[in-house]
Amino acid sequence: MVTPERAALVARIADTDTRVRHLMLRWAGPLQVPSDLTLRQLQVLGLLHGHDGVTGHELAETLGVSTATVSGLVERMVGKHLVRRSPDPDDRRKVLLSVTPEGQQVLQGLDAASSAGRDRLLERLDPADLAELARLFDLLLRAAEEVEAEATGAQDTR
């Protein structure tokens, strides 16, 4: 059961997170991404990053869309040289998706802007607050890994 106190804290964290991200966007400067890159395409790049060998079917399941939708999305991204299709060496009927060097550059540009903003904030914290924030982020990471494990386990049982 969610207590009113817990709900209030969660709402406060969500509000603060939103406000911090909005402020960071103001002083991030222009992002080095193609002007025709959609949010969905950016999501696909993020999902494929570090996970080469994802099939269109797996990507469709993750995105919660049809394989036909993913097929068109991937086709446009291949045309922009952001994603590459490769035959699965173990099963020629399957096509594996991966991020191209151009797609990696897009992700690196976004990461650089995010890192610069984060660094500007963190340099303002004293060492004790920085240590406490690191401890709390470790907790947040553990919670995220638990959620990921639950989600992965749920997908594997289908």
N, C-alpha and C. Protein backbone atom coordinates (compact mmCIF):
# COMPACT_ATOMS: atom_id res chain seq x y z
N MET A 1 0.84 -1.19 0.00
CA MET A 1 0.00 0.00 0.00
C MET A 1 0.88 1.25 0.00
N VAL A 2 0.51 2.19 -0.82
CA VAL A 2 1.26 3.44 -0.91
C VAL A 2 0.68 4.42 0.10
N THR A 3 1.55 4.87 0.98
CA THR A 3 1.11 5.83 2.00
C THR A 3 1.07 7.23 1.40
N PRO A 4 0.31 8.13 1.98
CA PRO A 4 0.30 9.51 1.50
C PRO A 4 1.69 10.16 1.55
N GLU A 5 2.47 9.81 2.58
CA GLU A 5 3.83 10.37 2.70
C GLU A 5 4.71 9.90 1.54
N ARG A 6 4.61 8.60 1.23
CA ARG A 6 5.41 8.05 0.12
C ARG A 6 4.98 8.68 -1.20
N ALA A 7 3.69 8.80 -1.41
CA ALA A 7 3.18 9.40 -2.65
C ALA A 7 3.66 10.84 -2.78
N ALA A 8 3.68 11.57 -1.68
CA ALA A 8 4.14 12.97 -1.71
C ALA A 8 5.63 13.03 -2.05
N LEU A 9 6.42 12.12 -1.48
CA LEU A 9 7.86 12.11 -1.79
C LEU A 9 8.12 11.75 -3.25
N VAL A 10 7.40 10.76 -3.74
CA VAL A 10 7.55 10.37 -5.15
C VAL A 10 7.18 11.54 -6.06
N ALA A 11 6.10 12.24 -5.74
CA ALA A 11 5.68 13.40 -6.54
C ALA A 11 6.74 14.50 -6.47
N ARG A 12 7.31 14.71 -5.30
CA ARG A 12 8.36 15.74 -5.15
C ARG A 12 9.59 15.39 -5.98
N ILE A 13 9.99 14.11 -5.96
CA ILE A 13 11.15 13.67 -6.75
C ILE A 13 10.86 13.85 -8.24
N ALA A 14 9.68 13.45 -8.67
CA ALA A 14 9.32 13.58 -10.09
C ALA A 14 9.31 15.04 -10.52
N ASP A 15 8.76 15.91 -9.69
CA ASP A 15 8.72 17.34 -10.01
C ASP A 15 10.14 17.91 -10.08
N THR A 16 10.96 17.57 -9.12
CA THR A 16 12.34 18.08 -9.10
C THR A 16 13.10 17.58 -10.32
N ASP A 17 12.94 16.31 -10.66
CA ASP A 17 13.61 15.74 -11.82
C ASP A 17 13.20 16.49 -13.09
N THR A 18 11.92 16.74 -13.24
CA THR A 18 11.43 17.48 -14.42
C THR A 18 12.02 18.88 -14.46
N ARG A 19 12.02 19.56 -13.34
CA ARG A 19 12.54 20.93 -13.29
C ARG A 19 14.03 20.98 -13.61
N VAL A 20 14.79 20.02 -13.08
CA VAL A 20 16.23 19.98 -13.36
C VAL A 20 16.47 19.73 -14.85
N ARG A 21 15.75 18.77 -15.43
CA ARG A 21 15.93 18.49 -16.87
C ARG A 21 15.56 19.69 -17.72
N HIS A 22 14.51 20.40 -17.37
CA HIS A 22 14.12 21.59 -18.13
C HIS A 22 15.19 22.67 -18.05
N LEU A 23 15.73 22.88 -16.85
CA LEU A 23 16.80 23.87 -16.70
C LEU A 23 18.04 23.47 -17.51
N MET A 24 18.39 22.19 -17.47
CA MET A 24 19.56 21.72 -18.21
C MET A 24 19.37 21.90 -19.71
N LEU A 25 18.15 21.71 -20.19
CA LEU A 25 17.89 21.90 -21.62
C LEU A 25 18.08 23.36 -22.04
N ARG A 26 17.78 24.27 -21.13
CA ARG A 26 17.94 25.69 -21.44
C ARG A 26 19.38 26.06 -21.71
N TRP A 27 20.30 25.52 -20.94
CA TRP A 27 21.69 25.91 -21.13
C TRP A 27 22.53 24.84 -21.79
N ALA A 28 21.90 23.83 -22.36
CA ALA A 28 22.64 22.77 -23.07
C ALA A 28 23.17 23.26 -24.41
N GLY A 29 22.54 24.30 -24.97
CA GLY A 29 22.93 24.75 -26.29
C GLY A 29 22.31 23.86 -27.35
N PRO A 30 22.62 24.13 -28.60
CA PRO A 30 22.05 23.32 -29.67
C PRO A 30 22.58 21.88 -29.61
N LEU A 31 21.66 20.94 -29.74
CA LEU A 31 22.05 19.53 -29.74
C LEU A 31 22.54 19.14 -31.13
N GLN A 32 23.58 18.35 -31.16
CA GLN A 32 24.17 17.94 -32.43
C GLN A 32 23.50 16.66 -32.93
N VAL A 33 22.25 16.80 -33.34
CA VAL A 33 21.51 15.67 -33.90
C VAL A 33 20.88 16.10 -35.21
N PRO A 34 20.67 15.16 -36.12
CA PRO A 34 20.01 15.52 -37.38
C PRO A 34 18.63 16.12 -37.11
N SER A 35 18.29 17.17 -37.84
CA SER A 35 17.03 17.86 -37.60
C SER A 35 15.82 17.00 -37.95
N ASP A 36 16.01 15.98 -38.76
CA ASP A 36 14.88 15.12 -39.14
C ASP A 36 14.80 13.85 -38.30
N LEU A 37 15.57 13.77 -37.22
CA LEU A 37 15.53 12.61 -36.34
C LEU A 37 14.31 12.71 -35.43
N THR A 38 13.46 11.68 -35.45
CA THR A 38 12.26 11.70 -34.61
C THR A 38 12.58 11.12 -33.23
N LEU A 39 11.69 11.37 -32.29
CA LEU A 39 11.88 10.81 -30.96
C LEU A 39 11.87 9.28 -31.00
N ARG A 40 11.03 8.70 -31.81
CA ARG A 40 10.96 7.24 -31.93
C ARG A 40 12.28 6.70 -32.48
N GLN A 41 12.85 7.39 -33.48
CA GLN A 41 14.13 6.95 -34.03
C GLN A 41 15.24 7.07 -32.99
N LEU A 42 15.19 8.12 -32.21
CA LEU A 42 16.17 8.28 -31.13
C LEU A 42 16.01 7.14 -30.11
N GLN A 43 14.77 6.78 -29.81
CA GLN A 43 14.51 5.67 -28.89
C GLN A 43 15.11 4.38 -29.45
N VAL A 44 14.93 4.14 -30.73
CA VAL A 44 15.48 2.93 -31.35
C VAL A 44 17.00 2.93 -31.24
N LEU A 45 17.63 4.07 -31.52
CA LEU A 45 19.09 4.14 -31.38
C LEU A 45 19.52 3.78 -29.96
N GLY A 46 18.81 4.34 -29.00
CA GLY A 46 19.13 4.05 -27.61
C GLY A 46 18.95 2.59 -27.25
N LEU A 47 17.90 1.97 -27.78
CA LEU A 47 17.64 0.56 -27.49
C LEU A 47 18.67 -0.36 -28.15
N LEU A 48 19.10 0.01 -29.35
CA LEU A 48 20.06 -0.83 -30.07
C LEU A 48 21.49 -0.62 -29.58
N HIS A 49 21.76 0.55 -29.02
CA HIS A 49 23.11 0.87 -28.55
C HIS A 49 23.58 -0.16 -27.52
N GLY A 50 24.68 -0.80 -27.83
CA GLY A 50 25.22 -1.80 -26.91
C GLY A 50 24.51 -3.14 -26.96
N HIS A 51 23.53 -3.27 -27.85
CA HIS A 51 22.77 -4.52 -27.96
C HIS A 51 22.68 -4.93 -29.43
N ASP A 52 23.81 -4.98 -30.09
CA ASP A 52 23.80 -5.40 -31.48
C ASP A 52 23.19 -6.79 -31.60
N GLY A 53 22.50 -7.00 -32.70
CA GLY A 53 21.93 -8.31 -32.93
C GLY A 53 20.48 -8.44 -32.50
N VAL A 54 19.80 -7.31 -32.36
CA VAL A 54 18.38 -7.33 -32.03
C VAL A 54 17.60 -7.56 -33.32
N THR A 55 16.58 -8.40 -33.27
CA THR A 55 15.75 -8.61 -34.45
C THR A 55 14.63 -7.57 -34.50
N GLY A 56 14.04 -7.42 -35.65
CA GLY A 56 12.91 -6.51 -35.79
C GLY A 56 11.75 -6.92 -34.90
N HIS A 57 11.55 -8.22 -34.78
CA HIS A 57 10.48 -8.73 -33.92
C HIS A 57 10.72 -8.35 -32.46
N GLU A 58 11.96 -8.52 -31.99
CA GLU A 58 12.30 -8.16 -30.61
C GLU A 58 12.13 -6.66 -30.39
N LEU A 59 12.55 -5.87 -31.38
CA LEU A 59 12.41 -4.42 -31.26
C LEU A 59 10.94 -4.03 -31.22
N ALA A 60 10.11 -4.66 -32.04
CA ALA A 60 8.68 -4.38 -32.05
C ALA A 60 8.06 -4.69 -30.69
N GLU A 61 8.44 -5.81 -30.09
CA GLU A 61 7.92 -6.17 -28.77
C GLU A 61 8.33 -5.13 -27.72
N THR A 62 9.59 -4.71 -27.76
CA THR A 62 10.08 -3.73 -26.79
C THR A 62 9.34 -2.40 -26.95
N LEU A 63 9.11 -1.99 -28.19
CA LEU A 63 8.45 -0.71 -28.45
C LEU A 63 6.93 -0.79 -28.30
N GLY A 64 6.40 -2.01 -28.31
CA GLY A 64 4.95 -2.17 -28.21
C GLY A 64 4.22 -1.79 -29.48
N VAL A 65 4.87 -2.07 -30.62
CA VAL A 65 4.28 -1.77 -31.93
C VAL A 65 4.35 -3.02 -32.79
N SER A 66 3.73 -2.95 -33.95
CA SER A 66 3.74 -4.10 -34.86
C SER A 66 5.09 -4.22 -35.57
N THR A 67 5.35 -5.41 -36.10
CA THR A 67 6.58 -5.60 -36.87
C THR A 67 6.55 -4.77 -38.15
N ALA A 68 5.37 -4.54 -38.70
CA ALA A 68 5.26 -3.70 -39.89
C ALA A 68 5.69 -2.26 -39.57
N THR A 69 5.29 -1.77 -38.41
CA THR A 69 5.69 -0.42 -37.99
C THR A 69 7.20 -0.35 -37.82
N VAL A 70 7.77 -1.35 -37.18
CA VAL A 70 9.22 -1.38 -36.98
C VAL A 70 9.93 -1.48 -38.32
N SER A 71 9.39 -2.25 -39.23
CA SER A 71 10.01 -2.40 -40.55
C SER A 71 10.14 -1.04 -41.25
N GLY A 72 9.08 -0.25 -41.23
CA GLY A 72 9.14 1.07 -41.84
C GLY A 72 10.09 2.00 -41.11
N LEU A 73 10.07 1.93 -39.80
CA LEU A 73 10.95 2.75 -38.97
C LEU A 73 12.41 2.42 -39.26
N VAL A 74 12.73 1.14 -39.29
CA VAL A 74 14.09 0.71 -39.56
C VAL A 74 14.50 1.10 -40.98
N GLU A 75 13.59 0.95 -41.93
CA GLU A 75 13.90 1.32 -43.32
C GLU A 75 14.33 2.78 -43.41
N ARG A 76 13.59 3.67 -42.72
CA ARG A 76 13.95 5.09 -42.73
C ARG A 76 15.30 5.33 -42.05
N MET A 77 15.57 4.59 -40.98
CA MET A 77 16.83 4.77 -40.26
C MET A 77 18.02 4.21 -41.06
N VAL A 78 17.79 3.13 -41.80
CA VAL A 78 18.83 2.61 -42.69
C VAL A 78 19.12 3.65 -43.77
N GLY A 79 18.06 4.28 -44.29
CA GLY A 79 18.24 5.33 -45.30
C GLY A 79 19.02 6.53 -44.78
N LYS A 80 18.95 6.78 -43.49
CA LYS A 80 19.70 7.88 -42.86
C LYS A 80 21.09 7.42 -42.39
N HIS A 81 21.41 6.16 -42.65
CA HIS A 81 22.69 5.56 -42.26
C HIS A 81 22.88 5.53 -40.74
N LEU A 82 21.79 5.38 -39.99
CA LEU A 82 21.86 5.32 -38.53
C LEU A 82 21.83 3.88 -38.02
N VAL A 83 21.20 3.00 -38.80
CA VAL A 83 21.04 1.59 -38.42
C VAL A 83 21.47 0.73 -39.59
N ARG A 84 22.02 -0.43 -39.25
CA ARG A 84 22.47 -1.40 -40.26
C ARG A 84 21.69 -2.69 -40.05
N ARG A 85 21.34 -3.33 -41.16
CA ARG A 85 20.75 -4.67 -41.13
C ARG A 85 21.82 -5.67 -41.54
N SER A 86 21.88 -6.78 -40.83
CA SER A 86 22.84 -7.84 -41.17
C SER A 86 22.13 -9.18 -41.04
N PRO A 87 22.48 -10.13 -41.90
CA PRO A 87 21.88 -11.46 -41.76
C PRO A 87 22.39 -12.14 -40.49
N ASP A 88 21.53 -12.89 -39.84
CA ASP A 88 21.92 -13.65 -38.65
C ASP A 88 22.76 -14.83 -39.13
N PRO A 89 24.01 -14.94 -38.66
CA PRO A 89 24.86 -16.05 -39.12
C PRO A 89 24.32 -17.42 -38.72
N ASP A 90 23.48 -17.46 -37.69
CA ASP A 90 22.93 -18.74 -37.23
C ASP A 90 21.60 -19.10 -37.88
N ASP A 91 20.92 -18.09 -38.43
CA ASP A 91 19.60 -18.32 -39.03
C ASP A 91 19.40 -17.27 -40.12
N ARG A 92 19.66 -17.65 -41.35
CA ARG A 92 19.60 -16.72 -42.49
C ARG A 92 18.23 -16.08 -42.69
N ARG A 93 17.19 -16.64 -42.06
CA ARG A 93 15.86 -16.04 -42.19
C ARG A 93 15.72 -14.78 -41.35
N LYS A 94 16.60 -14.63 -40.36
CA LYS A 94 16.53 -13.48 -39.45
C LYS A 94 17.48 -12.38 -39.89
N VAL A 95 17.06 -11.16 -39.60
CA VAL A 95 17.89 -9.99 -39.85
C VAL A 95 18.18 -9.34 -38.52
N LEU A 96 19.45 -9.04 -38.29
CA LEU A 96 19.87 -8.42 -37.03
C LEU A 96 20.13 -6.93 -37.26
N LEU A 97 19.74 -6.13 -36.28
CA LEU A 97 19.87 -4.68 -36.38
C LEU A 97 20.99 -4.20 -35.46
N SER A 98 21.72 -3.20 -35.92
CA SER A 98 22.77 -2.61 -35.11
C SER A 98 22.92 -1.14 -35.47
N VAL A 99 23.54 -0.40 -34.58
CA VAL A 99 23.77 1.03 -34.78
C VAL A 99 25.03 1.19 -35.63
N THR A 100 24.96 2.06 -36.63
CA THR A 100 26.11 2.35 -37.48
C THR A 100 27.03 3.37 -36.78
N PRO A 101 28.22 3.58 -37.32
CA PRO A 101 29.07 4.64 -36.75
C PRO A 101 28.38 6.02 -36.76
N GLU A 102 27.58 6.30 -37.78
CA GLU A 102 26.85 7.57 -37.82
C GLU A 102 25.82 7.64 -36.69
N GLY A 103 25.15 6.52 -36.43
CA GLY A 103 24.20 6.46 -35.32
C GLY A 103 24.91 6.62 -33.99
N GLN A 104 26.10 6.03 -33.88
CA GLN A 104 26.89 6.19 -32.65
C GLN A 104 27.26 7.65 -32.43
N GLN A 105 27.57 8.37 -33.50
CA GLN A 105 27.91 9.80 -33.38
C GLN A 105 26.72 10.59 -32.84
N VAL A 106 25.53 10.27 -33.29
CA VAL A 106 24.33 10.95 -32.78
C VAL A 106 24.21 10.72 -31.28
N LEU A 107 24.34 9.47 -30.87
CA LEU A 107 24.23 9.15 -29.44
C LEU A 107 25.35 9.80 -28.63
N GLN A 108 26.55 9.83 -29.17
CA GLN A 108 27.66 10.47 -28.46
C GLN A 108 27.45 11.97 -28.31
N GLY A 109 26.85 12.60 -29.32
CA GLY A 109 26.55 14.03 -29.22
C GLY A 109 25.55 14.32 -28.13
N LEU A 110 24.52 13.50 -28.03
CA LEU A 110 23.53 13.67 -26.97
C LEU A 110 24.13 13.40 -25.60
N ASP A 111 24.96 12.36 -25.53
CA ASP A 111 25.59 12.02 -24.25
C ASP A 111 26.53 13.13 -23.81
N ALA A 112 27.25 13.73 -24.75
CA ALA A 112 28.18 14.81 -24.40
C ALA A 112 27.42 16.00 -23.82
N ALA A 113 26.28 16.34 -24.41
CA ALA A 113 25.48 17.47 -23.91
C ALA A 113 24.94 17.15 -22.52
N SER A 114 24.48 15.93 -22.33
CA SER A 114 23.95 15.51 -21.03
C SER A 114 25.06 15.50 -19.98
N SER A 115 26.21 14.97 -20.34
CA SER A 115 27.34 14.90 -19.40
C SER A 115 27.82 16.29 -19.00
N ALA A 116 27.87 17.20 -19.96
CA ALA A 116 28.31 18.56 -19.65
C ALA A 116 27.36 19.22 -18.66
N GLY A 117 26.06 19.05 -18.88
CA GLY A 117 25.08 19.62 -17.95
C GLY A 117 25.17 19.00 -16.58
N ARG A 118 25.29 17.67 -16.53
CA ARG A 118 25.42 16.98 -15.25
C ARG A 118 26.67 17.44 -14.51
N ASP A 119 27.79 17.57 -15.25
CA ASP A 119 29.04 17.99 -14.62
C ASP A 119 28.93 19.40 -14.04
N ARG A 120 28.22 20.29 -14.75
CA ARG A 120 28.02 21.65 -14.24
C ARG A 120 27.28 21.64 -12.91
N LEU A 121 26.33 20.74 -12.79
CA LEU A 121 25.57 20.64 -11.53
C LEU A 121 26.41 20.01 -10.42
N LEU A 122 27.06 18.91 -10.73
CA LEU A 122 27.78 18.16 -9.70
C LEU A 122 28.98 18.93 -9.14
N GLU A 123 29.58 19.79 -9.95
CA GLU A 123 30.72 20.55 -9.44
C GLU A 123 30.31 21.55 -8.36
N ARG A 124 29.03 21.81 -8.24
CA ARG A 124 28.53 22.74 -7.23
C ARG A 124 28.23 22.06 -5.88
N LEU A 125 28.31 20.75 -5.85
CA LEU A 125 28.04 20.02 -4.61
C LEU A 125 29.33 19.81 -3.82
N ASP A 126 29.21 19.92 -2.50
CA ASP A 126 30.40 19.66 -1.68
C ASP A 126 30.62 18.15 -1.61
N PRO A 127 31.82 17.71 -1.20
CA PRO A 127 32.15 16.28 -1.23
C PRO A 127 31.16 15.40 -0.45
N ALA A 128 30.66 15.86 0.67
CA ALA A 128 29.73 15.03 1.45
C ALA A 128 28.41 14.84 0.70
N ASP A 129 27.90 15.92 0.11
CA ASP A 129 26.66 15.80 -0.66
C ASP A 129 26.87 14.95 -1.91
N LEU A 130 28.03 15.08 -2.53
CA LEU A 130 28.35 14.28 -3.71
C LEU A 130 28.41 12.79 -3.35
N ALA A 131 29.00 12.47 -2.20
CA ALA A 131 29.06 11.08 -1.75
C ALA A 131 27.66 10.54 -1.47
N GLU A 132 26.81 11.36 -0.85
CA GLU A 132 25.44 10.92 -0.56
C GLU A 132 24.66 10.71 -1.86
N LEU A 133 24.85 11.61 -2.82
CA LEU A 133 24.16 11.46 -4.11
C LEU A 133 24.64 10.19 -4.82
N ALA A 134 25.94 9.91 -4.76
CA ALA A 134 26.47 8.69 -5.37
C ALA A 134 25.84 7.46 -4.72
N ARG A 135 25.71 7.46 -3.40
CA ARG A 135 25.09 6.34 -2.69
C ARG A 135 23.64 6.16 -3.14
N LEU A 136 22.92 7.27 -3.26
CA LEU A 136 21.51 7.19 -3.67
C LEU A 136 21.38 6.74 -5.13
N PHE A 137 22.29 7.17 -5.98
CA PHE A 137 22.25 6.71 -7.37
C PHE A 137 22.56 5.22 -7.46
N ASP A 138 23.43 4.72 -6.57
CA ASP A 138 23.67 3.27 -6.53
C ASP A 138 22.38 2.53 -6.19
N LEU A 139 21.62 3.06 -5.24
CA LEU A 139 20.33 2.46 -4.88
C LEU A 139 19.37 2.50 -6.06
N LEU A 140 19.34 3.62 -6.75
CA LEU A 140 18.46 3.77 -7.91
C LEU A 140 18.86 2.78 -9.01
N LEU A 141 20.15 2.61 -9.22
CA LEU A 141 20.62 1.65 -10.22
C LEU A 141 20.20 0.23 -9.84
N ARG A 142 20.34 -0.13 -8.59
CA ARG A 142 19.92 -1.47 -8.15
C ARG A 142 18.43 -1.68 -8.40
N ALA A 143 17.63 -0.67 -8.10
CA ALA A 143 16.18 -0.78 -8.33
C ALA A 143 15.90 -0.94 -9.82
N ALA A 144 16.61 -0.18 -10.66
CA ALA A 144 16.42 -0.28 -12.11
C ALA A 144 16.81 -1.66 -12.61
N GLU A 145 17.90 -2.21 -12.08
CA GLU A 145 18.32 -3.56 -12.48
C GLU A 145 17.30 -4.61 -12.06
N GLU A 146 16.68 -4.42 -10.91
CA GLU A 146 15.63 -5.35 -10.47
C GLU A 146 14.42 -5.29 -11.40
N VAL A 147 14.02 -4.07 -11.76
CA VAL A 147 12.90 -3.91 -12.69
C VAL A 147 13.24 -4.55 -14.03
N GLU A 148 14.46 -4.34 -14.51
CA GLU A 148 14.90 -4.92 -15.78
C GLU A 148 14.86 -6.45 -15.71
N ALA A 149 15.34 -7.00 -14.61
CA ALA A 149 15.33 -8.46 -14.44
C ALA A 149 13.90 -9.00 -14.44
N GLU A 150 13.00 -8.29 -13.77
CA GLU A 150 11.59 -8.70 -13.75
C GLU A 150 10.99 -8.62 -15.15
N ALA A 151 11.29 -7.54 -15.87
CA ALA A 151 10.75 -7.37 -17.22
C ALA A 151 11.31 -8.43 -18.16
N THR A 152 12.59 -8.69 -18.05
CA THR A 152 13.23 -9.70 -18.90
C THR A 152 12.68 -11.08 -18.59
N GLY A 153 12.51 -11.37 -17.31
CA GLY A 153 11.94 -12.65 -16.91
C GLY A 153 10.53 -12.81 -17.43
N ALA A 154 9.75 -11.73 -17.39
CA ALA A 154 8.38 -11.78 -17.90
C ALA A 154 8.36 -12.01 -19.40
N GLN A 155 9.31 -11.40 -20.13
CA GLN A 155 9.36 -11.59 -21.58
C GLN A 155 9.81 -13.00 -21.94
N ASP A 156 10.72 -13.57 -21.13
CA ASP A 156 11.23 -14.90 -21.44
C ASP A 156 10.19 -15.99 -21.24
N THR A 157 9.14 -15.73 -20.43
CA THR A 157 8.14 -16.75 -20.16
C THR A 157 7.00 -16.73 -21.16
N ARG A 158 7.03 -15.84 -22.11
CA ARG A 158 5.93 -15.77 -23.09
C ARG A 158 5.99 -16.90 -24.07
